[in-house]
Amino acid sequence: MKKIRWHVYLLTCADGTLYAGVTNDLARRLAAHNAGKGAKYTKPRRPVVLAWSVSTKDRSSAQKREHAVKALTRPEKLQLIAKQKTRAKKARA
């Protein structure tokens, strides 16, 4: 039996704002946001781009992490994004 992974994610919207969410299928959710079916907030701010994500063990921990991310200030969210990009660059090197 395949265990479902939950993800917390940050999107960068076309107007530069950030949107946080949670899903168990990141690709499907991103496509839904860009199709105007993801959330009321992102619908008028398309296209959106995945800026950051982290997987969690279950829905409960994903929702707790989402709540914590939403409580961050914009500079703190941008710092999360920058840290993940830096780690990804190092992993590719």
PDB file of N, CA and C in Angstrom:
ATOM      1  N   MET A   1       0.834  -1.185   0.000  1.00  0.00           N
ATOM      2  CA  MET A   1       0.000   0.000   0.000  1.00  0.00           C
ATOM      3  C   MET A   1       0.881   1.251   0.000  1.00  0.00           C
ATOM      4  N   LYS A   2       0.622   2.136  -0.932  1.00  0.00           N
ATOM      5  CA  LYS A   2       1.419   3.355  -1.055  1.00  0.00           C
ATOM      6  C   LYS A   2       0.943   4.404  -0.055  1.00  0.00           C
ATOM      7  N   LYS A   3       1.881   4.948   0.708  1.00  0.00           N
ATOM      8  CA  LYS A   3       1.552   5.975   1.691  1.00  0.00           C
ATOM      9  C   LYS A   3       1.445   7.325   1.002  1.00  0.00           C
ATOM     10  N   ILE A   4       0.388   8.051   1.292  1.00  0.00           N
ATOM     11  CA  ILE A   4       0.180   9.382   0.698  1.00  0.00           C
ATOM     12  C   ILE A   4       1.064  10.389   1.411  1.00  0.00           C
ATOM     13  N   ARG A   5       1.794  11.167   0.623  1.00  0.00           N
ATOM     14  CA  ARG A   5       2.620  12.240   1.171  1.00  0.00           C
ATOM     15  C   ARG A   5       1.847  13.549   1.073  1.00  0.00           C
ATOM     16  N   TRP A   6       1.916  14.329   2.095  1.00  0.00           N
ATOM     17  CA  TRP A   6       1.278  15.642   2.117  1.00  0.00           C
ATOM     18  C   TRP A   6       2.337  16.710   1.956  1.00  0.00           C
ATOM     19  N   HIS A   7       1.996  17.785   1.289  1.00  0.00           N
ATOM     20  CA  HIS A   7       2.934  18.864   1.007  1.00  0.00           C
ATOM     21  C   HIS A   7       2.369  20.203   1.452  1.00  0.00           C
ATOM     22  N   VAL A   8       3.243  21.011   1.997  1.00  0.00           N
ATOM     23  CA  VAL A   8       2.943  22.411   2.264  1.00  0.00           C
ATOM     24  C   VAL A   8       3.695  23.169   1.192  1.00  0.00           C
ATOM     25  N   TYR A   9       3.076  24.180   0.603  1.00  0.00           N
ATOM     26  CA  TYR A   9       3.719  24.874  -0.506  1.00  0.00           C
ATOM     27  C   TYR A   9       3.466  26.368  -0.468  1.00  0.00           C
ATOM     28  N   LEU A  10       4.359  27.097  -1.105  1.00  0.00           N
ATOM     29  CA  LEU A  10       4.205  28.531  -1.317  1.00  0.00           C
ATOM     30  C   LEU A  10       4.215  28.779  -2.810  1.00  0.00           C
ATOM     31  N   LEU A  11       3.274  29.567  -3.271  1.00  0.00           N
ATOM     32  CA  LEU A  11       3.216  29.967  -4.669  1.00  0.00           C
ATOM     33  C   LEU A  11       3.572  31.432  -4.773  1.00  0.00           C
ATOM     34  N   THR A  12       4.232  31.796  -5.852  1.00  0.00           N
ATOM     35  CA  THR A  12       4.420  33.196  -6.184  1.00  0.00           C
ATOM     36  C   THR A  12       3.395  33.508  -7.259  1.00  0.00           C
ATOM     37  N   CYS A  13       2.548  34.473  -6.978  1.00  0.00           N
ATOM     38  CA  CYS A  13       1.495  34.865  -7.916  1.00  0.00           C
ATOM     39  C   CYS A  13       2.035  35.899  -8.895  1.00  0.00           C
ATOM     40  N   ALA A  14       1.310  36.093  -9.991  1.00  0.00           N
ATOM     41  CA  ALA A  14       1.735  37.027 -11.036  1.00  0.00           C
ATOM     42  C   ALA A  14       1.906  38.453 -10.504  1.00  0.00           C
ATOM     43  N   ASP A  15       1.156  38.819  -9.472  1.00  0.00           N
ATOM     44  CA  ASP A  15       1.278  40.164  -8.909  1.00  0.00           C
ATOM     45  C   ASP A  15       2.361  40.258  -7.831  1.00  0.00           C
ATOM     46  N   GLY A  16       3.108  39.160  -7.639  1.00  0.00           N
ATOM     47  CA  GLY A  16       4.214  39.167  -6.677  1.00  0.00           C
ATOM     48  C   GLY A  16       3.837  38.731  -5.275  1.00  0.00           C
ATOM     49  N   THR A  17       2.558  38.503  -5.025  1.00  0.00           N
ATOM     50  CA  THR A  17       2.147  38.061  -3.693  1.00  0.00           C
ATOM     51  C   THR A  17       2.449  36.573  -3.530  1.00  0.00           C
ATOM     52  N   LEU A  18       2.404  36.126  -2.285  1.00  0.00           N
ATOM     53  CA  LEU A  18       2.668  34.723  -1.965  1.00  0.00           C
ATOM     54  C   LEU A  18       1.400  34.077  -1.435  1.00  0.00           C
ATOM     55  N   TYR A  19       1.207  32.815  -1.776  1.00  0.00           N
ATOM     56  CA  TYR A  19       0.047  32.057  -1.321  1.00  0.00           C
ATOM     57  C   TYR A  19       0.542  30.738  -0.739  1.00  0.00           C
ATOM     58  N   ALA A  20       0.067  30.393   0.455  1.00  0.00           N
ATOM     59  CA  ALA A  20       0.444  29.128   1.096  1.00  0.00           C
ATOM     60  C   ALA A  20      -0.727  28.170   1.062  1.00  0.00           C
ATOM     61  N   GLY A  21      -0.415  26.893   0.850  1.00  0.00           N
ATOM     62  CA  GLY A  21      -1.455  25.881   0.828  1.00  0.00           C
ATOM     63  C   GLY A  21      -0.919  24.519   1.195  1.00  0.00           C
ATOM     64  N   VAL A  22      -1.815  23.540   1.191  1.00  0.00           N
ATOM     65  CA  VAL A  22      -1.461  22.169   1.527  1.00  0.00           C
ATOM     66  C   VAL A  22      -2.177  21.242   0.545  1.00  0.00           C
ATOM     67  N   THR A  23      -1.507  20.155   0.160  1.00  0.00           N
ATOM     68  CA  THR A  23      -2.088  19.205  -0.795  1.00  0.00           C
ATOM     69  C   THR A  23      -1.414  17.852  -0.659  1.00  0.00           C
ATOM     70  N   ASN A  24      -2.045  16.841  -1.241  1.00  0.00           N
ATOM     71  CA  ASN A  24      -1.404  15.528  -1.307  1.00  0.00           C
ATOM     72  C   ASN A  24      -0.987  15.207  -2.741  1.00  0.00           C
ATOM     73  N   ASP A  25      -1.188  16.158  -3.654  1.00  0.00           N
ATOM     74  CA  ASP A  25      -0.763  16.002  -5.047  1.00  0.00           C
ATOM     75  C   ASP A  25      -0.343  17.377  -5.575  1.00  0.00           C
ATOM     76  N   LEU A  26       0.925  17.661  -5.448  1.00  0.00           N
ATOM     77  CA  LEU A  26       1.450  18.993  -5.761  1.00  0.00           C
ATOM     78  C   LEU A  26       1.256  19.387  -7.223  1.00  0.00           C
ATOM     79  N   ALA A  27       1.538  18.484  -8.135  1.00  0.00           N
ATOM     80  CA  ALA A  27       1.395  18.803  -9.569  1.00  0.00           C
ATOM     81  C   ALA A  27      -0.066  19.095  -9.922  1.00  0.00           C
ATOM     82  N   ARG A  28      -0.974  18.275  -9.417  1.00  0.00           N
ATOM     83  CA  ARG A  28      -2.394  18.477  -9.696  1.00  0.00           C
ATOM     84  C   ARG A  28      -2.881  19.801  -9.104  1.00  0.00           C
ATOM     85  N   ARG A  29      -2.440  20.106  -7.895  1.00  0.00           N
ATOM     86  CA  ARG A  29      -2.874  21.336  -7.223  1.00  0.00           C
ATOM     87  C   ARG A  29      -2.345  22.568  -7.948  1.00  0.00           C
ATOM     88  N   LEU A  30      -1.100  22.541  -8.392  1.00  0.00           N
ATOM     89  CA  LEU A  30      -0.526  23.663  -9.136  1.00  0.00           C
ATOM     90  C   LEU A  30      -1.294  23.878 -10.440  1.00  0.00           C
ATOM     91  N   ALA A  31      -1.617  22.786 -11.117  1.00  0.00           N
ATOM     92  CA  ALA A  31      -2.400  22.881 -12.355  1.00  0.00           C
ATOM     93  C   ALA A  31      -3.776  23.471 -12.068  1.00  0.00           C
ATOM     94  N   ALA A  32      -4.385  23.078 -10.962  1.00  0.00           N
ATOM     95  CA  ALA A  32      -5.702  23.614 -10.600  1.00  0.00           C
ATOM     96  C   ALA A  32      -5.624  25.114 -10.334  1.00  0.00           C
ATOM     97  N   HIS A  33      -4.590  25.539  -9.616  1.00  0.00           N
ATOM     98  CA  HIS A  33      -4.415  26.984  -9.366  1.00  0.00           C
ATOM     99  C   HIS A  33      -4.300  27.737 -10.686  1.00  0.00           C
ATOM    100  N   ASN A  34      -3.491  27.224 -11.590  1.00  0.00           N
ATOM    101  CA  ASN A  34      -3.274  27.917 -12.861  1.00  0.00           C
ATOM    102  C   ASN A  34      -4.479  27.835 -13.800  1.00  0.00           C
ATOM    103  N   ALA A  35      -5.382  26.900 -13.542  1.00  0.00           N
ATOM    104  CA  ALA A  35      -6.614  26.796 -14.333  1.00  0.00           C
ATOM    105  C   ALA A  35      -7.728  27.654 -13.735  1.00  0.00           C
ATOM    106  N   GLY A  36      -7.417  28.324 -12.617  1.00  0.00           N
ATOM    107  CA  GLY A  36      -8.425  29.166 -11.974  1.00  0.00           C
ATOM    108  C   GLY A  36      -9.352  28.404 -11.055  1.00  0.00           C
ATOM    109  N   LYS A  37      -8.986  27.153 -10.728  1.00  0.00           N
ATOM    110  CA  LYS A  37      -9.834  26.315  -9.881  1.00  0.00           C
ATOM    111  C   LYS A  37      -9.179  25.981  -8.546  1.00  0.00           C
ATOM    112  N   GLY A  38      -8.059  26.608  -8.245  1.00  0.00           N
ATOM    113  CA  GLY A  38      -7.323  26.258  -7.037  1.00  0.00           C
ATOM    114  C   GLY A  38      -7.803  26.938  -5.786  1.00  0.00           C
ATOM    115  N   ALA A  39      -7.971  28.229  -5.832  1.00  0.00           N
ATOM    116  CA  ALA A  39      -8.401  29.004  -4.669  1.00  0.00           C
ATOM    117  C   ALA A  39      -8.885  30.367  -5.149  1.00  0.00           C
ATOM    118  N   LYS A  40      -9.815  30.931  -4.389  1.00  0.00           N
ATOM    119  CA  LYS A  40     -10.321  32.262  -4.749  1.00  0.00           C
ATOM    120  C   LYS A  40      -9.194  33.282  -4.840  1.00  0.00           C
ATOM    121  N   TYR A  41      -8.231  33.163  -3.917  1.00  0.00           N
ATOM    122  CA  TYR A  41      -7.137  34.130  -3.868  1.00  0.00           C
ATOM    123  C   TYR A  41      -6.280  34.106  -5.128  1.00  0.00           C
ATOM    124  N   THR A  42      -5.962  32.919  -5.629  1.00  0.00           N
ATOM    125  CA  THR A  42      -5.038  32.818  -6.764  1.00  0.00           C
ATOM    126  C   THR A  42      -5.718  33.011  -8.116  1.00  0.00           C
ATOM    127  N   LYS A  43      -7.028  32.814  -8.179  1.00  0.00           N
ATOM    128  CA  LYS A  43      -7.731  32.889  -9.467  1.00  0.00           C
ATOM    129  C   LYS A  43      -7.431  34.186 -10.235  1.00  0.00           C
ATOM    130  N   PRO A  44      -7.552  35.367  -9.627  1.00  0.00           N
ATOM    131  CA  PRO A  44      -7.254  36.601 -10.382  1.00  0.00           C
ATOM    132  C   PRO A  44      -5.762  36.941 -10.447  1.00  0.00           C
ATOM    133  N   ARG A  45      -4.919  36.119  -9.821  1.00  0.00           N
ATOM    134  CA  ARG A  45      -3.486  36.423  -9.736  1.00  0.00           C
ATOM    135  C   ARG A  45      -2.643  35.438 -10.535  1.00  0.00           C
ATOM    136  N   ARG A  46      -3.236  34.823 -11.554  1.00  0.00           N
ATOM    137  CA  ARG A  46      -2.531  33.851 -12.372  1.00  0.00           C
ATOM    138  C   ARG A  46      -1.655  34.529 -13.401  1.00  0.00           C
ATOM    139  N   PRO A  47      -0.617  33.843 -13.861  1.00  0.00           N
ATOM    140  CA  PRO A  47      -0.212  32.486 -13.476  1.00  0.00           C
ATOM    141  C   PRO A  47       0.516  32.483 -12.138  1.00  0.00           C
ATOM    142  N   VAL A  48       0.508  31.325 -11.510  1.00  0.00           N
ATOM    143  CA  VAL A  48       1.237  31.140 -10.261  1.00  0.00           C
ATOM    144  C   VAL A  48       2.378  30.163 -10.513  1.00  0.00           C
ATOM    145  N   VAL A  49       3.432  30.305  -9.721  1.00  0.00           N
ATOM    146  CA  VAL A  49       4.610  29.451  -9.856  1.00  0.00           C
ATOM    147  C   VAL A  49       4.938  28.867  -8.486  1.00  0.00           C
ATOM    148  N   LEU A  50       5.248  27.584  -8.461  1.00  0.00           N
ATOM    149  CA  LEU A  50       5.649  26.960  -7.208  1.00  0.00           C
ATOM    150  C   LEU A  50       6.989  27.546  -6.783  1.00  0.00           C
ATOM    151  N   ALA A  51       7.031  28.122  -5.588  1.00  0.00           N
ATOM    152  CA  ALA A  51       8.253  28.761  -5.099  1.00  0.00           C
ATOM    153  C   ALA A  51       8.944  27.925  -4.023  1.00  0.00           C
ATOM    154  N   TRP A  52       8.169  27.165  -3.265  1.00  0.00           N
ATOM    155  CA  TRP A  52       8.725  26.416  -2.140  1.00  0.00           C
ATOM    156  C   TRP A  52       7.765  25.305  -1.775  1.00  0.00           C
ATOM    157  N   SER A  53       8.287  24.184  -1.353  1.00  0.00           N
ATOM    158  CA  SER A  53       7.435  23.119  -0.826  1.00  0.00           C
ATOM    159  C   SER A  53       8.229  22.226   0.110  1.00  0.00           C
ATOM    160  N   VAL A  54       7.506  21.585   0.986  1.00  0.00           N
ATOM    161  CA  VAL A  54       8.095  20.617   1.900  1.00  0.00           C
ATOM    162  C   VAL A  54       7.064  19.511   2.095  1.00  0.00           C
ATOM    163  N   SER A  55       7.525  18.272   2.169  1.00  0.00           N
ATOM    164  CA  SER A  55       6.579  17.176   2.390  1.00  0.00           C
ATOM    165  C   SER A  55       6.552  16.837   3.876  1.00  0.00           C
ATOM    166  N   THR A  56       5.415  16.324   4.294  1.00  0.00           N
ATOM    167  CA  THR A  56       5.218  15.936   5.692  1.00  0.00           C
ATOM    168  C   THR A  56       4.668  14.526   5.734  1.00  0.00           C
ATOM    169  N   LYS A  57       4.644  13.949   6.914  1.00  0.00           N
ATOM    170  CA  LYS A  57       4.233  12.553   7.045  1.00  0.00           C
ATOM    171  C   LYS A  57       2.729  12.337   6.947  1.00  0.00           C
ATOM    172  N   ASP A  58       1.947  13.369   7.313  1.00  0.00           N
ATOM    173  CA  ASP A  58       0.497  13.209   7.262  1.00  0.00           C
ATOM    174  C   ASP A  58      -0.194  14.564   7.136  1.00  0.00           C
ATOM    175  N   ARG A  59      -1.504  14.501   6.937  1.00  0.00           N
ATOM    176  CA  ARG A  59      -2.283  15.722   6.716  1.00  0.00           C
ATOM    177  C   ARG A  59      -2.222  16.663   7.921  1.00  0.00           C
ATOM    178  N   SER A  60      -2.301  16.107   9.094  1.00  0.00           N
ATOM    179  CA  SER A  60      -2.288  16.918  10.313  1.00  0.00           C
ATOM    180  C   SER A  60      -1.000  17.737  10.424  1.00  0.00           C
ATOM    181  N   SER A  61       0.135  17.095  10.211  1.00  0.00           N
ATOM    182  CA  SER A  61       1.397  17.840  10.306  1.00  0.00           C
ATOM    183  C   SER A  61       1.520  18.841   9.167  1.00  0.00           C
ATOM    184  N   ALA A  62       0.956  18.526   8.010  1.00  0.00           N
ATOM    185  CA  ALA A  62       0.983  19.479   6.893  1.00  0.00           C
ATOM    186  C   ALA A  62       0.161  20.725   7.238  1.00  0.00           C
ATOM    187  N   GLN A  63      -1.001  20.514   7.832  1.00  0.00           N
ATOM    188  CA  GLN A  63      -1.849  21.651   8.186  1.00  0.00           C
ATOM    189  C   GLN A  63      -1.221  22.501   9.292  1.00  0.00           C
ATOM    190  N   LYS A  64      -0.554  21.854  10.229  1.00  0.00           N
ATOM    191  CA  LYS A  64       0.143  22.604  11.278  1.00  0.00           C
ATOM    192  C   LYS A  64       1.273  23.428  10.681  1.00  0.00           C
ATOM    193  N   ARG A  65       2.010  22.823   9.747  1.00  0.00           N
ATOM    194  CA  ARG A  65       3.121  23.543   9.095  1.00  0.00           C
ATOM    195  C   ARG A  65       2.586  24.690   8.244  1.00  0.00           C
ATOM    196  N   GLU A  66       1.478  24.463   7.539  1.00  0.00           N
ATOM    197  CA  GLU A  66       0.857  25.518   6.738  1.00  0.00           C
ATOM    198  C   GLU A  66       0.482  26.692   7.634  1.00  0.00           C
ATOM    199  N   HIS A  67      -0.109  26.413   8.773  1.00  0.00           N
ATOM    200  CA  HIS A  67      -0.492  27.462   9.717  1.00  0.00           C
ATOM    201  C   HIS A  67       0.737  28.262  10.157  1.00  0.00           C
ATOM    202  N   ALA A  68       1.828  27.557  10.437  1.00  0.00           N
ATOM    203  CA  ALA A  68       3.064  28.231  10.852  1.00  0.00           C
ATOM    204  C   ALA A  68       3.631  29.085   9.718  1.00  0.00           C
ATOM    205  N   VAL A  69       3.584  28.586   8.489  1.00  0.00           N
ATOM    206  CA  VAL A  69       4.089  29.333   7.336  1.00  0.00           C
ATOM    207  C   VAL A  69       3.240  30.584   7.111  1.00  0.00           C
ATOM    208  N   LYS A  70       1.931  30.447   7.225  1.00  0.00           N
ATOM    209  CA  LYS A  70       1.046  31.601   7.031  1.00  0.00           C
ATOM    210  C   LYS A  70       1.278  32.676   8.084  1.00  0.00           C
ATOM    211  N   ALA A  71       1.763  32.281   9.252  1.00  0.00           N
ATOM    212  CA  ALA A  71       2.032  33.242  10.320  1.00  0.00           C
ATOM    213  C   ALA A  71       3.340  34.001  10.112  1.00  0.00           C
ATOM    214  N   LEU A  72       4.182  33.525   9.188  1.00  0.00           N
ATOM    215  CA  LEU A  72       5.454  34.195   8.925  1.00  0.00           C
ATOM    216  C   LEU A  72       5.223  35.523   8.205  1.00  0.00           C
ATOM    217  N   THR A  73       6.166  36.420   8.357  1.00  0.00           N
ATOM    218  CA  THR A  73       6.120  37.675   7.616  1.00  0.00           C
ATOM    219  C   THR A  73       6.566  37.401   6.182  1.00  0.00           C
ATOM    220  N   ARG A  74       6.296  38.321   5.301  1.00  0.00           N
ATOM    221  CA  ARG A  74       6.722  38.158   3.907  1.00  0.00           C
ATOM    222  C   ARG A  74       8.240  37.949   3.803  1.00  0.00           C
ATOM    223  N   PRO A  75       9.075  38.770   4.490  1.00  0.00           N
ATOM    224  CA  PRO A  75      10.522  38.534   4.413  1.00  0.00           C
ATOM    225  C   PRO A  75      10.923  37.143   4.909  1.00  0.00           C
ATOM    226  N   GLU A  76      10.242  36.636   5.920  1.00  0.00           N
ATOM    227  CA  GLU A  76      10.553  35.293   6.419  1.00  0.00           C
ATOM    228  C   GLU A  76      10.171  34.225   5.386  1.00  0.00           C
ATOM    229  N   LYS A  77       9.065  34.420   4.697  1.00  0.00           N
ATOM    230  CA  LYS A  77       8.657  33.483   3.651  1.00  0.00           C
ATOM    231  C   LYS A  77       9.664  33.521   2.496  1.00  0.00           C
ATOM    232  N   LEU A  78      10.108  34.715   2.130  1.00  0.00           N
ATOM    233  CA  LEU A  78      11.097  34.842   1.061  1.00  0.00           C
ATOM    234  C   LEU A  78      12.410  34.172   1.459  1.00  0.00           C
ATOM    235  N   GLN A  79      12.731  34.229   2.740  1.00  0.00           N
ATOM    236  CA  GLN A  79      13.943  33.577   3.236  1.00  0.00           C
ATOM    237  C   GLN A  79      13.808  32.046   3.121  1.00  0.00           C
ATOM    238  N   LEU A  80      12.627  31.513   3.416  1.00  0.00           N
ATOM    239  CA  LEU A  80      12.383  30.071   3.244  1.00  0.00           C
ATOM    240  C   LEU A  80      12.622  29.661   1.792  1.00  0.00           C
ATOM    241  N   ILE A  81      12.093  30.454   0.881  1.00  0.00           N
ATOM    242  CA  ILE A  81      12.244  30.179  -0.549  1.00  0.00           C
ATOM    243  C   ILE A  81      13.713  30.210  -0.945  1.00  0.00           C
ATOM    244  N   ALA A  82      14.422  31.235  -0.493  1.00  0.00           N
ATOM    245  CA  ALA A  82      15.842  31.385  -0.837  1.00  0.00           C
ATOM    246  C   ALA A  82      16.666  30.222  -0.288  1.00  0.00           C
ATOM    247  N   LYS A  83      16.376  29.787   0.932  1.00  0.00           N
ATOM    248  CA  LYS A  83      17.119  28.669   1.529  1.00  0.00           C
ATOM    249  C   LYS A  83      16.921  27.393   0.723  1.00  0.00           C
ATOM    250  N   GLN A  84      15.697  27.143   0.284  1.00  0.00           N
ATOM    251  CA  GLN A  84      15.442  25.927  -0.486  1.00  0.00           C
ATOM    252  C   GLN A  84      16.147  25.979  -1.838  1.00  0.00           C
ATOM    253  N   LYS A  85      16.187  27.152  -2.457  1.00  0.00           N
ATOM    254  CA  LYS A  85      16.883  27.291  -3.742  1.00  0.00           C
ATOM    255  C   LYS A  85      18.375  27.066  -3.570  1.00  0.00           C
ATOM    256  N   THR A  86      18.938  27.567  -2.467  1.00  0.00           N
ATOM    257  CA  THR A  86      20.355  27.386  -2.192  1.00  0.00           C
ATOM    258  C   THR A  86      20.680  25.905  -1.987  1.00  0.00           C
ATOM    259  N   ARG A  87      19.824  25.203  -1.227  1.00  0.00           N
ATOM    260  CA  ARG A  87      20.031  23.766  -1.008  1.00  0.00           C
ATOM    261  C   ARG A  87      19.929  22.984  -2.306  1.00  0.00           C
ATOM    262  N   ALA A  88      19.000  23.371  -3.158  1.00  0.00           N
ATOM    263  CA  ALA A  88      18.834  22.681  -4.446  1.00  0.00           C
ATOM    264  C   ALA A  88      20.045  22.882  -5.330  1.00  0.00           C
ATOM    265  N   LYS A  89      20.611  24.087  -5.322  1.00  0.00           N
ATOM    266  CA  LYS A  89      21.823  24.362  -6.118  1.00  0.00           C
ATOM    267  C   LYS A  89      22.981  23.509  -5.631  1.00  0.00           C
ATOM    268  N   LYS A  90      23.150  23.428  -4.317  1.00  0.00           N
ATOM    269  CA  LYS A  90      24.239  22.639  -3.749  1.00  0.00           C
ATOM    270  C   LYS A  90      24.073  21.159  -4.073  1.00  0.00           C
ATOM    271  N   ALA A  91      22.841  20.682  -4.069  1.00  0.00           N
ATOM    272  CA  ALA A  91      22.582  19.276  -4.379  1.00  0.00           C
ATOM    273  C   ALA A  91      22.906  18.948  -5.828  1.00  0.00           C
ATOM    274  N   ARG A  92      22.708  19.916  -6.729  1.00  0.00           N
ATOM    275  CA  ARG A  92      23.001  19.698  -8.154  1.00  0.00           C
ATOM    276  C   ARG A  92      24.495  19.772  -8.429  1.00  0.00           C
ATOM    277  N   ALA A  93      25.233  20.476  -7.602  1.00  0.00           N
ATOM    278  CA  ALA A  93      26.682  20.674  -7.840  1.00  0.00           C
ATOM    279  C   ALA A  93      27.492  19.436  -7.526  1.00  0.00           C
TER     280      ALA A  93
END
